[in-house]
Amino acid sequence: MKKGKSVKSAAQRRISIIKGQLDGLLRMISEDEYCINLLNQSLAIQNSIKSLDALLLERHLNTHVSEQFQKERDRAVEELLRLFKRVHQ
C-alpha cells in the first residue's frame, strides 16, 4: 500500500465512509426498516472496518514491524501474537 500521508488519507477516507454507513444504519433503525436490510447494512459496516484494519495492519507491518524484527524481535512477535489472538477470539 501507499506510504505516509497517502495511507493516512486512505484511512481517513475509509472512516468517513464508515461514519456514513453508521448514520445510514441509525436512520434505517429509526425508520423501522426490515430486519434483513438492517443486518445487511451492519455487515457492510463490519466489512468496511475489516478493510480499515487491513490497511492499518499493512502500514504497521511495512513501517514498524520490519524495524522491530531487527532491533526488538521478541517484542514484535509478542505484539503480533497478541493482535492475532484478539482477531480470532
Protein backbone atom coordinates (compact mmCIF):
# COMPACT_ATOMS: atom_id res chain seq x y z
CA MET A 1 0.00 0.00 0.00
CA LYS A 2 0.95 3.64 -0.09
CA LYS A 3 3.17 5.29 2.48
CA GLY A 4 2.88 8.18 4.92
CA LYS A 5 0.18 10.72 4.21
CA SER A 6 -1.44 8.63 1.48
CA VAL A 7 -2.13 5.83 3.98
CA LYS A 8 -3.35 8.44 6.44
CA SER A 9 -5.71 9.96 3.88
CA ALA A 10 -6.90 6.49 2.79
CA ALA A 11 -7.67 5.63 6.43
CA GLN A 12 -9.47 8.93 6.94
CA ARG A 13 -11.49 8.34 3.78
CA ARG A 14 -12.49 4.87 4.97
CA ILE A 15 -13.50 6.22 8.37
CA SER A 16 -15.69 8.84 6.68
CA ILE A 17 -17.37 6.06 4.72
CA ILE A 18 -17.90 4.04 7.89
CA LYS A 19 -19.41 7.07 9.63
CA GLY A 20 -21.80 7.48 6.70
CA GLN A 21 -22.73 3.81 6.87
CA LEU A 22 -23.38 4.10 10.61
CA ASP A 23 -25.55 7.17 10.08
CA GLY A 24 -27.45 5.24 7.42
CA LEU A 25 -27.99 2.32 9.78
CA LEU A 26 -29.21 4.65 12.51
CA ARG A 27 -31.66 6.23 10.07
CA MET A 28 -32.83 2.79 8.93
CA ILE A 29 -33.45 1.75 12.53
CA SER A 30 -35.39 4.97 13.19
CA GLU A 31 -37.49 4.29 10.11
CA ASP A 32 -38.21 0.70 11.21
CA GLU A 33 -36.57 -0.84 8.14
CA TYR A 34 -36.88 -4.55 7.50
CA CYS A 35 -34.51 -6.52 9.77
CA ILE A 36 -32.64 -8.18 6.89
CA ASN A 37 -31.86 -4.72 5.46
CA LEU A 38 -30.53 -3.65 8.88
CA LEU A 39 -28.37 -6.76 9.10
CA ASN A 40 -27.05 -6.26 5.58
CA GLN A 41 -26.09 -2.68 6.46
CA SER A 42 -24.45 -3.84 9.69
CA LEU A 43 -22.45 -6.45 7.78
CA ALA A 44 -21.35 -3.83 5.26
CA ILE A 45 -20.10 -1.71 8.17
CA GLN A 46 -18.20 -4.64 9.63
CA ASN A 47 -16.58 -5.35 6.26
CA SER A 48 -15.58 -1.69 5.97
CA ILE A 49 -13.98 -1.85 9.40
CA LYS A 50 -12.12 -5.02 8.40
CA SER A 51 -10.85 -3.21 5.33
CA LEU A 52 -9.63 -0.35 7.54
CA ASP A 53 -7.97 -2.87 9.86
CA ALA A 54 -6.17 -4.46 6.91
CA LEU A 55 -4.90 -1.06 5.77
CA LEU A 56 -3.63 -0.19 9.24
CA LEU A 57 -2.01 -3.61 9.71
CA GLU A 58 -0.29 -3.39 6.33
CA ARG A 59 1.10 0.02 7.26
CA HIS A 60 2.29 -1.29 10.62
CA LEU A 61 3.99 -4.28 9.00
CA ASN A 62 5.70 -2.12 6.39
CA THR A 63 6.88 0.55 8.80
CA HIS A 64 7.29 -0.61 12.38
CA VAL A 65 7.48 -4.39 12.30
CA SER A 66 10.32 -4.68 9.81
CA GLU A 67 12.43 -2.41 12.01
CA GLN A 68 11.29 -4.09 15.25
CA PHE A 69 12.31 -7.51 13.94
CA GLN A 70 15.85 -6.22 13.55
CA LYS A 71 16.05 -4.49 16.93
CA GLU A 72 13.36 -5.98 19.19
CA ARG A 73 12.33 -9.28 17.63
CA ASP A 74 10.71 -10.72 20.79
CA ARG A 75 8.60 -7.61 21.29
CA ALA A 76 7.46 -7.64 17.65
CA VAL A 77 6.48 -11.31 17.81
CA GLU A 78 4.65 -10.82 21.11
CA GLU A 79 2.76 -7.81 19.77
CA LEU A 80 1.70 -9.62 16.60
CA LEU A 81 0.65 -12.75 18.51
CA ARG A 82 -1.44 -10.67 20.90
CA LEU A 83 -3.15 -8.99 17.96
CA PHE A 84 -3.70 -12.33 16.19
CA LYS A 85 -5.34 -13.78 19.32
CA ARG A 86 -7.66 -10.76 19.61
CA VAL A 87 -8.72 -11.14 15.99
CA HIS A 88 -9.50 -14.83 16.50
CA GLN A 89 -11.38 -14.68 19.80
